[in-house]
PDB file of all heavy atoms in Angstrom:
ATOM      1  N   TYR A   1     -10.887  12.055   7.009  1.00  0.00           N
ATOM      2  CA  TYR A   1     -10.546  13.414   6.581  1.00  0.00           C
ATOM      3  C   TYR A   1      -9.562  14.098   7.547  1.00  0.00           C
ATOM      4  O   TYR A   1      -8.713  14.902   7.108  1.00  0.00           O
ATOM      5  CB  TYR A   1     -11.814  14.294   6.520  1.00  0.00           C
ATOM      6  CG  TYR A   1     -12.866  13.807   5.552  1.00  0.00           C
ATOM      7  CD1 TYR A   1     -14.164  14.366   5.598  1.00  0.00           C
ATOM      8  CD2 TYR A   1     -12.591  12.860   4.588  1.00  0.00           C
ATOM      9  CE1 TYR A   1     -15.136  13.977   4.712  1.00  0.00           C
ATOM     10  CE2 TYR A   1     -13.600  12.452   3.700  1.00  0.00           C
ATOM     11  CZ  TYR A   1     -14.842  13.005   3.772  1.00  0.00           C
ATOM     12  OH  TYR A   1     -15.860  12.587   2.918  1.00  0.00           O
ATOM     13  N   ASP A   2      -9.684  13.742   8.884  1.00  0.00           N
ATOM     14  CA  ASP A   2      -8.857  14.540   9.782  1.00  0.00           C
ATOM     15  C   ASP A   2      -8.516  13.849  11.114  1.00  0.00           C
ATOM     16  O   ASP A   2      -7.909  14.493  11.970  1.00  0.00           O
ATOM     17  CB  ASP A   2      -9.559  15.862  10.080  1.00  0.00           C
ATOM     18  CG  ASP A   2     -10.837  15.725  10.861  1.00  0.00           C
ATOM     19  OD1 ASP A   2     -11.344  14.579  11.040  1.00  0.00           O
ATOM     20  OD2 ASP A   2     -11.364  16.763  11.330  1.00  0.00           O
ATOM     21  N   ARG A   3      -8.884  12.581  11.304  1.00  0.00           N
ATOM     22  CA  ARG A   3      -8.445  11.942  12.512  1.00  0.00           C
ATOM     23  C   ARG A   3      -6.979  11.629  12.423  1.00  0.00           C
ATOM     24  O   ARG A   3      -6.527  10.945  11.484  1.00  0.00           O
ATOM     25  CB  ARG A   3      -9.240  10.657  12.784  1.00  0.00           C
ATOM     26  CG  ARG A   3      -9.289  10.255  14.244  1.00  0.00           C
ATOM     27  CD  ARG A   3     -10.135   9.052  14.501  1.00  0.00           C
ATOM     28  NE  ARG A   3      -9.347   7.835  14.500  1.00  0.00           N
ATOM     29  CZ  ARG A   3      -9.840   6.600  14.599  1.00  0.00           C
ATOM     30  NH1 ARG A   3     -11.159   6.408  14.640  1.00  0.00           N
ATOM     31  NH2 ARG A   3      -9.064   5.523  14.618  1.00  0.00           N
ATOM     32  N   THR A   4      -6.202  12.103  13.344  1.00  0.00           N
ATOM     33  CA  THR A   4      -4.735  12.081  13.205  1.00  0.00           C
ATOM     34  C   THR A   4      -4.172  10.735  12.924  1.00  0.00           C
ATOM     35  O   THR A   4      -3.347  10.552  12.023  1.00  0.00           O
ATOM     36  CB  THR A   4      -4.093  12.677  14.504  1.00  0.00           C
ATOM     37  OG1 THR A   4      -4.584  14.002  14.687  1.00  0.00           O
ATOM     38  CG2 THR A   4      -2.585  12.717  14.384  1.00  0.00           C
ATOM     39  N   ASP A   5      -4.568   9.702  13.710  1.00  0.00           N
ATOM     40  CA  ASP A   5      -4.029   8.368  13.495  1.00  0.00           C
ATOM     41  C   ASP A   5      -4.469   7.763  12.185  1.00  0.00           C
ATOM     42  O   ASP A   5      -3.667   7.075  11.511  1.00  0.00           O
ATOM     43  CB  ASP A   5      -4.373   7.442  14.664  1.00  0.00           C
ATOM     44  CG  ASP A   5      -5.864   7.262  14.852  1.00  0.00           C
ATOM     45  OD1 ASP A   5      -6.643   8.168  14.554  1.00  0.00           O
ATOM     46  OD2 ASP A   5      -6.256   6.184  15.342  1.00  0.00           O
ATOM     47  N   VAL A   6      -5.682   8.067  11.753  1.00  0.00           N
ATOM     48  CA  VAL A   6      -6.180   7.499  10.486  1.00  0.00           C
ATOM     49  C   VAL A   6      -5.462   8.166   9.301  1.00  0.00           C
ATOM     50  O   VAL A   6      -5.033   7.473   8.364  1.00  0.00           O
ATOM     51  CB  VAL A   6      -7.710   7.707  10.381  1.00  0.00           C
ATOM     52  CG1 VAL A   6      -8.188   7.269   9.006  1.00  0.00           C
ATOM     53  CG2 VAL A   6      -8.410   6.934  11.477  1.00  0.00           C
ATOM     54  N   VAL A   7      -5.280   9.487   9.351  1.00  0.00           N
ATOM     55  CA  VAL A   7      -4.582  10.151   8.259  1.00  0.00           C
ATOM     56  C   VAL A   7      -3.137   9.636   8.182  1.00  0.00           C
ATOM     57  O   VAL A   7      -2.613   9.409   7.089  1.00  0.00           O
ATOM     58  CB  VAL A   7      -4.623  11.681   8.485  1.00  0.00           C
ATOM     59  CG1 VAL A   7      -3.694  12.384   7.468  1.00  0.00           C
ATOM     60  CG2 VAL A   7      -6.018  12.234   8.371  1.00  0.00           C
ATOM     61  N   ALA A   8      -2.497   9.482   9.345  1.00  0.00           N
ATOM     62  CA  ALA A   8      -1.108   8.996   9.349  1.00  0.00           C
ATOM     63  C   ALA A   8      -1.026   7.604   8.765  1.00  0.00           C
ATOM     64  O   ALA A   8      -0.119   7.302   7.957  1.00  0.00           O
ATOM     65  CB  ALA A   8      -0.598   9.003  10.789  1.00  0.00           C
ATOM     66  N   THR A   9      -1.964   6.697   9.115  1.00  0.00           N
ATOM     67  CA  THR A   9      -1.949   5.352   8.556  1.00  0.00           C
ATOM     68  C   THR A   9      -2.174   5.368   7.076  1.00  0.00           C
ATOM     69  O   THR A   9      -1.520   4.673   6.311  1.00  0.00           O
ATOM     70  CB  THR A   9      -3.028   4.513   9.246  1.00  0.00           C
ATOM     71  OG1 THR A   9      -2.751   4.393  10.650  1.00  0.00           O
ATOM     72  CG2 THR A   9      -3.088   3.088   8.678  1.00  0.00           C
ATOM     73  N   ALA A  10      -3.152   6.196   6.602  1.00  0.00           N
ATOM     74  CA  ALA A  10      -3.419   6.287   5.176  1.00  0.00           C
ATOM     75  C   ALA A  10      -2.182   6.826   4.423  1.00  0.00           C
ATOM     76  O   ALA A  10      -1.827   6.318   3.352  1.00  0.00           O
ATOM     77  CB  ALA A  10      -4.647   7.185   4.929  1.00  0.00           C
ATOM     78  N   VAL A  11      -1.557   7.856   4.985  1.00  0.00           N
ATOM     79  CA  VAL A  11      -0.419   8.451   4.317  1.00  0.00           C
ATOM     80  C   VAL A  11       0.740   7.457   4.275  1.00  0.00           C
ATOM     81  O   VAL A  11       1.491   7.358   3.280  1.00  0.00           O
ATOM     82  CB  VAL A  11       0.007   9.765   5.008  1.00  0.00           C
ATOM     83  CG1 VAL A  11       1.351  10.280   4.442  1.00  0.00           C
ATOM     84  CG2 VAL A  11      -1.079  10.821   4.746  1.00  0.00           C
ATOM     85  N   ASP A  12       0.940   6.685   5.340  1.00  0.00           N
ATOM     86  CA  ASP A  12       1.977   5.650   5.313  1.00  0.00           C
ATOM     87  C   ASP A  12       1.736   4.682   4.163  1.00  0.00           C
ATOM     88  O   ASP A  12       2.708   4.311   3.443  1.00  0.00           O
ATOM     89  CB  ASP A  12       1.978   4.870   6.622  1.00  0.00           C
ATOM     90  CG  ASP A  12       2.614   5.633   7.775  1.00  0.00           C
ATOM     91  OD1 ASP A  12       3.302   6.632   7.521  1.00  0.00           O
ATOM     92  OD2 ASP A  12       2.425   5.189   8.959  1.00  0.00           O
ATOM     93  N   SER A  13       0.531   4.265   3.992  1.00  0.00           N
ATOM     94  CA  SER A  13       0.200   3.346   2.895  1.00  0.00           C
ATOM     95  C   SER A  13       0.409   4.005   1.535  1.00  0.00           C
ATOM     96  O   SER A  13       0.932   3.355   0.611  1.00  0.00           O
ATOM     97  CB  SER A  13      -1.242   2.890   3.011  1.00  0.00           C
ATOM     98  OG  SER A  13      -1.433   2.074   4.141  1.00  0.00           O
ATOM     99  N   ILE A  14       0.030   5.262   1.415  1.00  0.00           N
ATOM    100  CA  ILE A  14       0.198   5.976   0.156  1.00  0.00           C
ATOM    101  C   ILE A  14       1.661   6.107  -0.202  1.00  0.00           C
ATOM    102  O   ILE A  14       2.066   5.832  -1.323  1.00  0.00           O
ATOM    103  CB  ILE A  14      -0.457   7.358   0.207  1.00  0.00           C
ATOM    104  CG1 ILE A  14      -2.006   7.221   0.377  1.00  0.00           C
ATOM    105  CG2 ILE A  14      -0.136   8.199  -0.992  1.00  0.00           C
ATOM    106  CD1 ILE A  14      -2.692   8.488   0.835  1.00  0.00           C
ATOM    107  N   VAL A  15       2.499   6.488   0.775  1.00  0.00           N
ATOM    108  CA  VAL A  15       3.906   6.663   0.520  1.00  0.00           C
ATOM    109  C   VAL A  15       4.543   5.342   0.105  1.00  0.00           C
ATOM    110  O   VAL A  15       5.315   5.290  -0.837  1.00  0.00           O
ATOM    111  CB  VAL A  15       4.619   7.263   1.749  1.00  0.00           C
ATOM    112  CG1 VAL A  15       6.108   7.203   1.621  1.00  0.00           C
ATOM    113  CG2 VAL A  15       4.149   8.683   1.991  1.00  0.00           C
ATOM    114  N   GLU A  16       4.171   4.271   0.833  1.00  0.00           N
ATOM    115  CA  GLU A  16       4.768   2.959   0.441  1.00  0.00           C
ATOM    116  C   GLU A  16       4.318   2.598  -0.963  1.00  0.00           C
ATOM    117  O   GLU A  16       5.148   2.068  -1.738  1.00  0.00           O
ATOM    118  CB  GLU A  16       4.327   1.906   1.415  1.00  0.00           C
ATOM    119  CG  GLU A  16       4.954   0.530   1.134  1.00  0.00           C
ATOM    120  CD  GLU A  16       4.713  -0.464   2.236  1.00  0.00           C
ATOM    121  OE1 GLU A  16       4.319  -0.080   3.354  1.00  0.00           O
ATOM    122  OE2 GLU A  16       4.981  -1.653   1.980  1.00  0.00           O
ATOM    123  N   HIS A  17       3.089   2.828  -1.298  1.00  0.00           N
ATOM    124  CA  HIS A  17       2.591   2.531  -2.645  1.00  0.00           C
ATOM    125  C   HIS A  17       3.338   3.327  -3.712  1.00  0.00           C
ATOM    126  O   HIS A  17       3.768   2.769  -4.729  1.00  0.00           O
ATOM    127  CB  HIS A  17       1.084   2.854  -2.693  1.00  0.00           C
ATOM    128  CG  HIS A  17       0.470   2.754  -4.037  1.00  0.00           C
ATOM    129  ND1 HIS A  17       0.413   1.605  -4.799  1.00  0.00           N
ATOM    130  CD2 HIS A  17      -0.144   3.720  -4.833  1.00  0.00           C
ATOM    131  CE1 HIS A  17      -0.184   1.814  -5.931  1.00  0.00           C
ATOM    132  NE2 HIS A  17      -0.556   3.110  -5.974  1.00  0.00           N
ATOM    133  N   LEU A  18       3.509   4.641  -3.468  1.00  0.00           N
ATOM    134  CA  LEU A  18       4.137   5.462  -4.483  1.00  0.00           C
ATOM    135  C   LEU A  18       5.610   5.206  -4.619  1.00  0.00           C
ATOM    136  O   LEU A  18       6.194   5.377  -5.701  1.00  0.00           O
ATOM    137  CB  LEU A  18       3.933   6.944  -4.159  1.00  0.00           C
ATOM    138  CG  LEU A  18       2.441   7.411  -4.113  1.00  0.00           C
ATOM    139  CD1 LEU A  18       2.351   8.900  -3.839  1.00  0.00           C
ATOM    140  CD2 LEU A  18       1.712   7.047  -5.402  1.00  0.00           C
ATOM    141  N   GLN A  19       6.232   4.742  -3.557  1.00  0.00           N
ATOM    142  CA  GLN A  19       7.683   4.458  -3.592  1.00  0.00           C
ATOM    143  C   GLN A  19       8.012   3.068  -4.035  1.00  0.00           C
ATOM    144  O   GLN A  19       9.187   2.772  -4.342  1.00  0.00           O
ATOM    145  CB  GLN A  19       8.301   4.723  -2.239  1.00  0.00           C
ATOM    146  CG  GLN A  19       8.318   6.206  -1.808  1.00  0.00           C
ATOM    147  CD  GLN A  19       8.936   6.453  -0.462  1.00  0.00           C
ATOM    148  OE1 GLN A  19       8.999   5.555   0.383  1.00  0.00           O
ATOM    149  NE2 GLN A  19       9.345   7.681  -0.243  1.00  0.00           N
ATOM    150  N   ARG A  20       7.029   2.216  -4.093  1.00  0.00           N
ATOM    151  CA  ARG A  20       7.254   0.832  -4.536  1.00  0.00           C
ATOM    152  C   ARG A  20       7.633   0.777  -5.993  1.00  0.00           C
ATOM    153  O   ARG A  20       7.015   1.435  -6.819  1.00  0.00           O
ATOM    154  CB  ARG A  20       6.009  -0.039  -4.303  1.00  0.00           C
ATOM    155  CG  ARG A  20       6.161  -1.492  -4.646  1.00  0.00           C
ATOM    156  CD  ARG A  20       4.849  -2.246  -4.414  1.00  0.00           C
ATOM    157  NE  ARG A  20       4.535  -2.288  -3.014  1.00  0.00           N
ATOM    158  CZ  ARG A  20       3.423  -1.737  -2.519  1.00  0.00           C
ATOM    159  NH1 ARG A  20       2.592  -1.084  -3.308  1.00  0.00           N
ATOM    160  NH2 ARG A  20       3.164  -1.851  -1.238  1.00  0.00           N
ATOM    161  N   PRO A  21       8.725   0.049  -6.346  1.00  0.00           N
ATOM    162  CA  PRO A  21       9.121  -0.043  -7.773  1.00  0.00           C
ATOM    163  C   PRO A  21       7.933  -0.541  -8.595  1.00  0.00           C
ATOM    164  O   PRO A  21       7.198  -1.450  -8.195  1.00  0.00           O
ATOM    165  CB  PRO A  21      10.258  -1.039  -7.757  1.00  0.00           C
ATOM    166  CG  PRO A  21      10.844  -0.956  -6.395  1.00  0.00           C
ATOM    167  CD  PRO A  21       9.679  -0.677  -5.479  1.00  0.00           C
ATOM    168  N   GLN A  22       7.736   0.092  -9.751  1.00  0.00           N
ATOM    169  CA  GLN A  22       6.620  -0.253 -10.569  1.00  0.00           C
ATOM    170  C   GLN A  22       6.936  -1.445 -11.445  1.00  0.00           C
ATOM    171  O   GLN A  22       7.960  -1.488 -12.138  1.00  0.00           O
ATOM    172  CB  GLN A  22       6.239   0.938 -11.484  1.00  0.00           C
ATOM    173  CG  GLN A  22       4.952   0.756 -12.256  1.00  0.00           C
ATOM    174  CD  GLN A  22       4.438   2.080 -12.797  1.00  0.00           C
ATOM    175  OE1 GLN A  22       4.694   3.126 -12.217  1.00  0.00           O
ATOM    176  NE2 GLN A  22       3.734   2.024 -13.890  1.00  0.00           N
ATOM    177  N   CYS A  23       6.056  -2.469 -11.382  1.00  0.00           N
ATOM    178  CA  CYS A  23       6.255  -3.641 -12.160  1.00  0.00           C
ATOM    179  C   CYS A  23       5.825  -3.388 -13.609  1.00  0.00           C
ATOM    180  O   CYS A  23       5.013  -2.491 -13.873  1.00  0.00           O
ATOM    181  CB  CYS A  23       5.416  -4.825 -11.638  1.00  0.00           C
ATOM    182  SG  CYS A  23       5.918  -5.325  -9.982  1.00  0.00           S
ATOM    183  N   PRO A  24       6.331  -4.151 -14.609  1.00  0.00           N
ATOM    184  CA  PRO A  24       5.845  -3.998 -15.952  1.00  0.00           C
ATOM    185  C   PRO A  24       4.318  -4.218 -16.011  1.00  0.00           C
ATOM    186  O   PRO A  24       3.753  -4.965 -15.223  1.00  0.00           O
ATOM    187  CB  PRO A  24       6.604  -5.071 -16.736  1.00  0.00           C
ATOM    188  CG  PRO A  24       7.816  -5.367 -15.915  1.00  0.00           C
ATOM    189  CD  PRO A  24       7.379  -5.157 -14.486  1.00  0.00           C
ATOM    190  N   ALA A  25       3.701  -3.597 -16.987  1.00  0.00           N
ATOM    191  CA  ALA A  25       2.238  -3.633 -17.076  1.00  0.00           C
ATOM    192  C   ALA A  25       1.720  -5.065 -17.234  1.00  0.00           C
ATOM    193  O   ALA A  25       0.621  -5.380 -16.858  1.00  0.00           O
ATOM    194  CB  ALA A  25       1.731  -2.790 -18.226  1.00  0.00           C
ATOM    195  N   THR A  26       2.528  -5.937 -17.837  1.00  0.00           N
ATOM    196  CA  THR A  26       2.060  -7.296 -18.077  1.00  0.00           C
ATOM    197  C   THR A  26       2.351  -8.238 -16.921  1.00  0.00           C
ATOM    198  O   THR A  26       1.949  -9.401 -16.947  1.00  0.00           O
ATOM    199  CB  THR A  26       2.797  -7.877 -19.301  1.00  0.00           C
ATOM    200  OG1 THR A  26       4.207  -7.806 -19.101  1.00  0.00           O
ATOM    201  CG2 THR A  26       2.441  -7.110 -20.565  1.00  0.00           C
ATOM    202  N   SER A  27       2.973  -7.731 -15.867  1.00  0.00           N
ATOM    203  CA  SER A  27       3.325  -8.617 -14.719  1.00  0.00           C
ATOM    204  C   SER A  27       2.087  -9.028 -13.945  1.00  0.00           C
ATOM    205  O   SER A  27       1.140  -8.301 -13.837  1.00  0.00           O
ATOM    206  CB  SER A  27       4.278  -7.846 -13.800  1.00  0.00           C
ATOM    207  OG  SER A  27       4.499  -8.570 -12.610  1.00  0.00           O
ATOM    208  N   ARG A  28       2.112 -10.246 -13.403  1.00  0.00           N
ATOM    209  CA  ARG A  28       1.080 -10.720 -12.543  1.00  0.00           C
ATOM    210  C   ARG A  28       1.672 -11.218 -11.218  1.00  0.00           C
ATOM    211  O   ARG A  28       1.148 -12.092 -10.577  1.00  0.00           O
ATOM    212  CB  ARG A  28       0.261 -11.822 -13.216  1.00  0.00           C
ATOM    213  CG  ARG A  28      -0.584 -11.361 -14.369  1.00  0.00           C
ATOM    214  CD  ARG A  28      -1.684 -10.394 -13.903  1.00  0.00           C
ATOM    215  NE  ARG A  28      -2.526  -9.941 -14.965  1.00  0.00           N
ATOM    216  CZ  ARG A  28      -2.337  -8.840 -15.653  1.00  0.00           C
ATOM    217  NH1 ARG A  28      -1.293  -8.060 -15.409  1.00  0.00           N
ATOM    218  NH2 ARG A  28      -3.160  -8.465 -16.586  1.00  0.00           N
ATOM    219  N   LEU A  29       2.798 -10.641 -10.831  1.00  0.00           N
ATOM    220  CA  LEU A  29       3.444 -10.995  -9.599  1.00  0.00           C
ATOM    221  C   LEU A  29       2.652 -10.366  -8.418  1.00  0.00           C
ATOM    222  O   LEU A  29       2.132  -9.275  -8.556  1.00  0.00           O
ATOM    223  CB  LEU A  29       4.886 -10.505  -9.544  1.00  0.00           C
ATOM    224  CG  LEU A  29       5.822 -11.082 -10.579  1.00  0.00           C
ATOM    225  CD1 LEU A  29       7.173 -10.423 -10.540  1.00  0.00           C
ATOM    226  CD2 LEU A  29       5.958 -12.594 -10.409  1.00  0.00           C
ATOM    227  N   PRO A  30       2.586 -11.058  -7.275  1.00  0.00           N
ATOM    228  CA  PRO A  30       1.875 -10.466  -6.125  1.00  0.00           C
ATOM    229  C   PRO A  30       2.588  -9.290  -5.549  1.00  0.00           C
ATOM    230  O   PRO A  30       3.812  -9.273  -5.573  1.00  0.00           O
ATOM    231  CB  PRO A  30       1.803 -11.645  -5.140  1.00  0.00           C
ATOM    232  CG  PRO A  30       2.987 -12.469  -5.490  1.00  0.00           C
ATOM    233  CD  PRO A  30       3.136 -12.360  -7.004  1.00  0.00           C
ATOM    234  N   ILE A  31       1.861  -8.307  -5.055  1.00  0.00           N
ATOM    235  CA  ILE A  31       2.407  -7.161  -4.338  1.00  0.00           C
ATOM    236  C   ILE A  31       2.390  -7.484  -2.866  1.00  0.00           C
ATOM    237  O   ILE A  31       1.365  -7.919  -2.337  1.00  0.00           O
ATOM    238  CB  ILE A  31       1.584  -5.900  -4.616  1.00  0.00           C
ATOM    239  CG1 ILE A  31       1.604  -5.603  -6.135  1.00  0.00           C
ATOM    240  CG2 ILE A  31       2.117  -4.736  -3.855  1.00  0.00           C
ATOM    241  CD1 ILE A  31       0.690  -4.451  -6.491  1.00  0.00           C
ATOM    242  N   PRO A  32       3.466  -7.250  -2.129  1.00  0.00           N
ATOM    243  CA  PRO A  32       3.476  -7.518  -0.695  1.00  0.00           C
ATOM    244  C   PRO A  32       2.405  -6.738   0.039  1.00  0.00           C
ATOM    245  O   PRO A  32       2.133  -5.579  -0.330  1.00  0.00           O
ATOM    246  CB  PRO A  32       4.908  -7.101  -0.244  1.00  0.00           C
ATOM    247  CG  PRO A  32       5.708  -7.105  -1.493  1.00  0.00           C
ATOM    248  CD  PRO A  32       4.752  -6.758  -2.597  1.00  0.00           C
ATOM    249  N   SER A  33       1.819  -7.313   1.070  1.00  0.00           N
ATOM    250  CA  SER A  33       0.830  -6.588   1.870  1.00  0.00           C
ATOM    251  C   SER A  33       1.516  -5.434   2.591  1.00  0.00           C
ATOM    252  O   SER A  33       2.716  -5.496   2.869  1.00  0.00           O
ATOM    253  CB  SER A  33       0.187  -7.524   2.853  1.00  0.00           C
ATOM    254  OG  SER A  33       1.122  -8.053   3.781  1.00  0.00           O
ATOM    255  N   LEU A  34       0.756  -4.414   2.919  1.00  0.00           N
ATOM    256  CA  LEU A  34       1.367  -3.192   3.495  1.00  0.00           C
ATOM    257  C   LEU A  34       1.777  -3.392   4.929  1.00  0.00           C
ATOM    258  O   LEU A  34       2.817  -2.907   5.362  1.00  0.00           O
ATOM    259  CB  LEU A  34       0.326  -2.052   3.405  1.00  0.00           C
ATOM    260  CG  LEU A  34       0.028  -1.607   1.964  1.00  0.00           C
ATOM    261  CD1 LEU A  34      -1.112  -0.659   1.948  1.00  0.00           C
ATOM    262  CD2 LEU A  34       1.266  -0.944   1.380  1.00  0.00           C
ATOM    263  N   ASP A  35       0.928  -4.043   5.721  1.00  0.00           N
ATOM    264  CA  ASP A  35       1.273  -4.309   7.120  1.00  0.00           C
ATOM    265  C   ASP A  35       0.308  -5.312   7.670  1.00  0.00           C
ATOM    266  O   ASP A  35      -0.597  -5.767   6.999  1.00  0.00           O
ATOM    267  CB  ASP A  35       1.305  -3.039   7.961  1.00  0.00           C
ATOM    268  CG  ASP A  35      -0.027  -2.312   7.964  1.00  0.00           C
ATOM    269  OD1 ASP A  35      -1.042  -2.957   8.193  1.00  0.00           O
ATOM    270  OD2 ASP A  35       0.007  -1.076   7.721  1.00  0.00           O
ATOM    271  N   SER A  36       0.461  -5.666   8.940  1.00  0.00           N
ATOM    272  CA  SER A  36      -0.404  -6.649   9.559  1.00  0.00           C
ATOM    273  C   SER A  36      -1.392  -6.020  10.525  1.00  0.00           C
ATOM    274  O   SER A  36      -2.085  -6.734  11.221  1.00  0.00           O
ATOM    275  CB  SER A  36       0.434  -7.752  10.273  1.00  0.00           C
ATOM    276  OG  SER A  36       1.239  -7.118  11.226  1.00  0.00           O
ATOM    277  N   SER A  37      -1.402  -4.701  10.586  1.00  0.00           N
ATOM    278  CA  SER A  37      -2.217  -4.024  11.558  1.00  0.00           C
ATOM    279  C   SER A  37      -3.667  -3.838  11.090  1.00  0.00           C
ATOM    280  O   SER A  37      -4.540  -3.462  11.826  1.00  0.00           O
ATOM    281  CB  SER A  37      -1.657  -2.659  11.953  1.00  0.00           C
ATOM    282  OG  SER A  37      -1.642  -1.826  10.803  1.00  0.00           O
ATOM    283  N   ALA A  38      -3.880  -4.064   9.810  1.00  0.00           N
ATOM    284  CA  ALA A  38      -5.213  -3.933   9.245  1.00  0.00           C
ATOM    285  C   ALA A  38      -5.326  -4.939   8.094  1.00  0.00           C
ATOM    286  O   ALA A  38      -4.364  -5.508   7.690  1.00  0.00           O
ATOM    287  CB  ALA A  38      -5.467  -2.496   8.710  1.00  0.00           C
ATOM    288  N   GLN A  39      -6.561  -5.146   7.654  1.00  0.00           N
ATOM    289  CA  GLN A  39      -6.744  -6.031   6.518  1.00  0.00           C
ATOM    290  C   GLN A  39      -6.054  -5.443   5.293  1.00  0.00           C
ATOM    291  O   GLN A  39      -6.405  -4.344   4.867  1.00  0.00           O
ATOM    292  CB  GLN A  39      -8.225  -6.266   6.210  1.00  0.00           C
ATOM    293  CG  GLN A  39      -8.985  -6.882   7.403  1.00  0.00           C
ATOM    294  CD  GLN A  39     -10.425  -7.014   7.027  1.00  0.00           C
ATOM    295  OE1 GLN A  39     -10.773  -7.580   5.994  1.00  0.00           O
ATOM    296  NE2 GLN A  39     -11.313  -6.500   7.894  1.00  0.00           N
ATOM    297  N   SER A  40      -5.104  -6.189   4.658  1.00  0.00           N
ATOM    298  CA  SER A  40      -4.410  -5.673   3.516  1.00  0.00           C
ATOM    299  C   SER A  40      -4.351  -6.761   2.487  1.00  0.00           C
ATOM    300  O   SER A  40      -4.274  -7.921   2.791  1.00  0.00           O
ATOM    301  CB  SER A  40      -3.005  -5.197   3.850  1.00  0.00           C
ATOM    302  OG  SER A  40      -3.040  -4.186   4.840  1.00  0.00           O
ATOM    303  N   MET A  41      -4.342  -6.360   1.229  1.00  0.00           N
ATOM    304  CA  MET A  41      -4.204  -7.362   0.186  1.00  0.00           C
ATOM    305  C   MET A  41      -3.538  -6.690  -1.031  1.00  0.00           C
ATOM    306  O   MET A  41      -3.839  -5.587  -1.374  1.00  0.00           O
ATOM    307  CB  MET A  41      -5.547  -7.893  -0.242  1.00  0.00           C
ATOM    308  CG  MET A  41      -5.505  -8.967  -1.349  1.00  0.00           C
ATOM    309  SD  MET A  41      -7.134  -9.365  -1.968  1.00  0.00           S
ATOM    310  CE  MET A  41      -7.535  -7.834  -2.788  1.00  0.00           C
ATOM    311  N   GLY A  42      -2.608  -7.444  -1.623  1.00  0.00           N
ATOM    312  CA  GLY A  42      -1.988  -6.915  -2.845  1.00  0.00           C
ATOM    313  C   GLY A  42      -2.288  -7.866  -4.008  1.00  0.00           C
ATOM    314  O   GLY A  42      -2.409  -9.070  -3.821  1.00  0.00           O
ATOM    315  N   ARG A  43      -2.354  -7.335  -5.209  1.00  0.00           N
ATOM    316  CA  ARG A  43      -2.586  -8.204  -6.359  1.00  0.00           C
ATOM    317  C   ARG A  43      -2.192  -7.462  -7.632  1.00  0.00           C
ATOM    318  O   ARG A  43      -2.182  -6.242  -7.687  1.00  0.00           O
ATOM    319  CB  ARG A  43      -4.009  -8.665  -6.445  1.00  0.00           C
ATOM    320  CG  ARG A  43      -4.994  -7.555  -6.843  1.00  0.00           C
ATOM    321  CD  ARG A  43      -6.341  -8.108  -7.188  1.00  0.00           C
ATOM    322  NE  ARG A  43      -7.334  -7.124  -7.433  1.00  0.00           N
ATOM    323  CZ  ARG A  43      -7.485  -6.491  -8.593  1.00  0.00           C
ATOM    324  NH1 ARG A  43      -6.689  -6.765  -9.586  1.00  0.00           N
ATOM    325  NH2 ARG A  43      -8.425  -5.581  -8.785  1.00  0.00           N
ATOM    326  N   HIS A  44      -1.913  -8.221  -8.661  1.00  0.00           N
ATOM    327  CA  HIS A  44      -1.893  -7.736 -10.023  1.00  0.00           C
ATOM    328  C   HIS A  44      -2.918  -8.600 -10.739  1.00  0.00           C
ATOM    329  O   HIS A  44      -2.939  -9.801 -10.657  1.00  0.00           O
ATOM    330  CB  HIS A  44      -0.514  -7.935 -10.692  1.00  0.00           C
ATOM    331  CG  HIS A  44       0.474  -6.883 -10.289  1.00  0.00           C
ATOM    332  ND1 HIS A  44       1.126  -6.151 -11.228  1.00  0.00           N
ATOM    333  CD2 HIS A  44       0.909  -6.452  -9.099  1.00  0.00           C
ATOM    334  CE1 HIS A  44       1.978  -5.334 -10.626  1.00  0.00           C
ATOM    335  NE2 HIS A  44       1.827  -5.479  -9.341  1.00  0.00           N
TER     336      HIS A  44
END
């Protein structure tokens, strides 16, 4: 809710997600992981 570094990390992930080009709904291509500083996984 309010820890500065956690909010910043979450917002970084949100911005990257929202700015990532949207694949067609039928696509099953993998989404690149967000970073290597935490456990991340992308999928369709």
